[in-house]
Protein backbone atom coordinates (compact mmCIF):
# COMPACT_ATOMS: atom_id res chain seq x y z
CA MET A 1 13.10 23.45 72.38
CA THR A 2 12.49 26.13 75.00
CA ILE A 3 15.71 27.83 76.45
CA ALA A 4 15.67 29.24 79.99
CA THR A 5 14.40 32.78 80.66
CA SER A 6 16.07 35.61 82.33
CA PRO A 7 14.91 38.32 82.91
CA GLN A 8 10.97 37.18 82.90
CA THR A 9 9.73 40.68 81.40
CA TRP A 10 11.62 41.23 77.96
CA THR A 11 12.03 44.35 76.62
CA ASP A 12 12.62 44.93 72.99
CA GLN A 13 16.32 45.73 73.28
CA ASP A 14 16.66 42.12 75.61
CA TRP A 15 14.81 40.33 72.49
CA MET A 16 16.82 41.97 70.19
CA ALA A 17 20.11 41.01 71.76
CA LEU A 18 19.33 37.26 71.87
CA PRO A 19 22.34 35.60 70.05
CA LYS A 20 20.97 34.97 66.19
CA GLU A 21 23.72 32.71 64.72
CA GLY A 22 21.22 30.48 62.76
CA HIS A 23 18.72 31.20 65.86
CA ARG A 24 14.93 32.52 65.30
CA TYR A 25 12.62 32.91 68.93
CA GLU A 26 9.06 33.72 69.91
CA LEU A 27 8.31 34.32 73.49
CA VAL A 28 5.41 31.65 74.70
CA ASP A 29 3.72 31.90 77.97
CA GLY A 30 7.27 33.72 79.28
CA GLN A 31 9.51 31.16 77.93
CA VAL A 32 11.93 31.75 74.91
CA VAL A 33 11.38 29.27 72.40
CA ASP A 34 14.63 28.56 69.82
CA LEU A 35 12.52 28.23 66.45
CA GLY A 36 16.00 27.16 65.36
CA ASN A 37 16.43 26.86 61.59
CA SER A 38 13.62 25.02 59.17
CA GLY A 39 15.99 23.88 56.24
CA MET A 40 16.00 25.15 52.20
CA GLU A 41 12.88 24.01 50.88
CA HIS A 42 11.32 26.13 53.95
CA GLY A 43 13.07 29.18 52.91
CA TYR A 44 12.37 28.53 49.40
CA LEU A 45 8.82 28.00 49.67
CA ALA A 46 9.18 31.31 51.75
CA CYS A 47 10.65 33.54 49.45
CA VAL A 48 8.52 32.36 46.25
CA LEU A 49 5.50 33.68 48.47
CA VAL A 50 7.23 36.68 50.05
CA ALA A 51 8.31 38.05 46.57
CA ALA A 52 4.93 37.88 44.90
CA LEU A 53 3.15 39.31 47.95
CA MET A 54 5.69 42.03 48.26
CA ASN A 55 4.90 42.76 44.80
CA TRP A 56 1.50 42.95 44.81
CA VAL A 57 1.45 44.71 48.73
CA ARG A 58 4.27 47.82 47.41
CA SER A 59 2.99 48.50 43.74
CA ARG A 60 -0.39 49.09 45.37
CA ARG A 61 0.55 50.46 48.59
CA LEU A 62 -1.41 48.44 50.59
CA GLY A 63 0.69 48.03 53.90
CA ALA A 64 3.60 46.23 54.43
CA VAL A 65 5.10 42.64 54.01
CA CYS A 66 7.12 40.87 56.90
CA ASP A 67 9.76 38.04 56.64
CA SER A 68 10.09 35.67 59.67
CA SER A 69 12.93 37.48 61.38
CA THR A 70 9.73 40.10 62.73
CA ALA A 71 8.31 39.30 66.08
CA PHE A 72 4.73 40.16 67.06
CA THR A 73 3.78 41.73 70.31
CA LEU A 74 0.83 39.76 70.70
CA GLY A 75 -1.77 41.22 74.00
CA ASN A 76 -1.41 38.06 75.90
CA GLY A 77 2.42 38.79 76.12
CA ASN A 78 3.64 36.56 73.95
CA ARG A 79 5.94 37.67 70.81
CA ARG A 80 5.30 35.55 67.42
CA SER A 81 7.53 35.66 64.62
CA PRO A 82 4.99 34.15 61.77
CA ASP A 83 7.18 33.02 58.28
CA ILE A 84 5.29 35.77 56.39
CA ALA A 85 3.22 38.26 57.44
CA PHE A 86 1.57 41.37 56.31
CA ILE A 87 -0.30 44.18 57.91
CA ASP A 88 -2.64 46.73 56.49
CA ARG A 89 -2.18 50.01 55.90
CA SER A 90 -4.54 51.47 58.04
CA ARG A 91 -2.96 49.85 61.17
CA LEU A 92 0.28 51.50 60.28
CA GLN A 93 -0.94 54.97 60.18
CA GLY A 94 1.32 58.17 61.39
CA LEU A 95 4.32 55.61 60.73
CA SER A 96 6.95 56.91 58.76
CA ARG A 97 9.16 53.69 58.91
CA PRO A 98 8.97 50.35 60.21
CA PRO A 99 9.28 50.63 64.24
CA ARG A 100 12.73 49.58 65.00
CA GLY A 101 11.66 47.17 67.57
CA TYR A 102 8.45 44.47 67.36
CA PHE A 103 4.81 45.17 66.18
CA GLU A 104 2.13 45.57 68.60
CA GLY A 105 -0.79 43.31 67.63
CA ALA A 106 -0.89 40.44 65.49
CA PRO A 107 -0.43 40.63 61.40
CA ASP A 108 -3.61 40.76 59.17
CA LEU A 109 -2.59 37.67 57.24
CA VAL A 110 -0.05 35.02 58.69
CA VAL A 111 1.54 32.88 56.62
CA GLU A 112 2.64 29.39 58.43
CA ILE A 113 4.84 26.93 56.19
CA LEU A 114 4.98 23.48 58.33
CA SER A 115 8.87 22.62 59.46
CA PRO A 116 9.84 19.14 59.72
CA GLY A 117 10.08 19.60 63.75
CA ASN A 118 6.08 21.44 64.33
CA THR A 119 3.67 19.51 66.03
CA VAL A 120 -0.08 19.91 65.68
CA ASP A 121 -0.40 20.73 69.18
CA GLU A 122 2.23 23.53 68.45
CA MET A 123 0.59 24.82 65.11
CA HIS A 124 -2.84 24.65 66.87
CA GLN A 125 -2.15 27.25 69.25
CA LYS A 126 -0.51 29.75 67.16
CA ILE A 127 -3.32 29.73 65.37
CA VAL A 128 -5.57 30.04 67.90
CA GLU A 129 -3.20 32.79 69.69
CA TYR A 130 -3.01 34.75 65.89
CA PHE A 131 -6.90 34.96 65.80
CA ALA A 132 -7.35 35.77 69.40
CA HIS A 133 -5.10 38.87 69.27
CA GLY A 134 -6.63 40.00 65.52
CA THR A 135 -5.31 37.68 62.53
CA ARG A 136 -7.83 38.01 59.94
CA LEU A 137 -6.66 35.29 57.45
CA LEU A 138 -4.02 32.37 57.80
CA TRP A 139 -2.50 29.80 55.24
CA LYS A 140 -1.03 27.13 56.94
CA ILE A 141 1.74 25.59 53.78
CA ASP A 142 2.12 22.04 53.80
CA PRO A 143 5.15 21.34 51.37
CA ASN A 144 5.14 17.40 51.82
CA GLU A 145 1.68 17.32 50.98
CA ARG A 146 1.93 20.52 48.27
CA CYS A 147 -1.55 21.54 49.66
CA ILE A 148 -2.66 25.26 51.69
CA LEU A 149 -5.14 25.38 54.66
CA VAL A 150 -6.80 28.88 54.67
CA TYR A 151 -8.59 30.18 58.22
CA HIS A 152 -10.63 32.54 59.15
CA GLY A 153 -10.56 31.18 62.36
CA PRO A 154 -9.50 28.98 64.38
CA GLU A 155 -10.15 25.67 62.39
CA PRO A 156 -9.48 25.71 58.44
CA ASP A 157 -12.62 26.36 56.14
CA ARG A 158 -10.79 25.64 53.00
CA LEU A 159 -8.12 22.89 51.48
CA LEU A 160 -6.26 24.04 48.75
CA ARG A 161 -4.37 22.27 45.99
CA VAL A 162 -2.17 22.31 42.82
CA GLY A 163 -4.76 23.48 40.28
CA ASP A 164 -6.53 26.16 43.00
CA LEU A 165 -5.71 29.71 43.40
CA LEU A 166 -4.46 31.18 46.61
CA GLU A 167 -6.30 34.82 47.67
CA GLY A 168 -5.52 37.10 49.34
CA GLU A 169 -9.48 37.78 49.71
CA ASP A 170 -10.45 41.30 51.31
CA VAL A 171 -7.28 41.21 53.38
CA VAL A 172 -4.72 41.51 50.60
CA SER A 173 -7.05 42.75 48.31
CA GLY A 174 -6.82 41.53 44.49
CA PHE A 175 -3.66 39.34 45.57
CA ALA A 176 -4.02 35.93 43.48
CA PHE A 177 -0.89 33.06 43.11
CA PRO A 178 -1.39 29.61 41.43
CA VAL A 179 -0.54 27.10 44.39
CA ALA A 180 1.09 25.18 41.39
CA GLU A 181 3.96 28.11 41.19
CA LEU A 182 4.66 27.55 44.78
CA PHE A 183 5.26 24.18 44.21
CA GLU A 184 6.44 23.76 40.64
CA PRO A 185 9.74 21.69 40.20
CA TRP A 186 13.06 23.10 39.21
CA ASP A 187 13.92 23.03 35.81
CA PHE A 188 17.29 24.14 35.57
């Protein structure tokens, strides 16, 4: 849902002052879009993958993994908040801590998990925008179909299903995660 925007030029301070109670936002073409909540399945899948990525990335000092509360300011002025993002360490040189504001530029790896409210056009626009601003790898996870589309550009290259291996390729070097583990049923 798009909400009224004022002021039209958003500073990090303005952006961080937006109400947080159950809301996530993106800035798209000067309009603030409230992404809302995505449900437990979405959050659970994000946590499973973030834990695996974080463990791999931190233990090898490859860069930084961020969750969906992180906004990335793209070259066109839009602020996008992927469900999971990875930034290569080469882009973090000179920093001793994460910036308090928003990261300038697109993540190297973007992970988007489809939510019930996502549209095909909305997701395609995001994907095109990420790659236009420097993203090198994108995984689009479809919980309903239990599959992952892998992108190296605006169009998907591969479809991964249960039984396949999700790989970080040259972006998150050496990372591999069985797709089945992402979608396995609970056994409590």
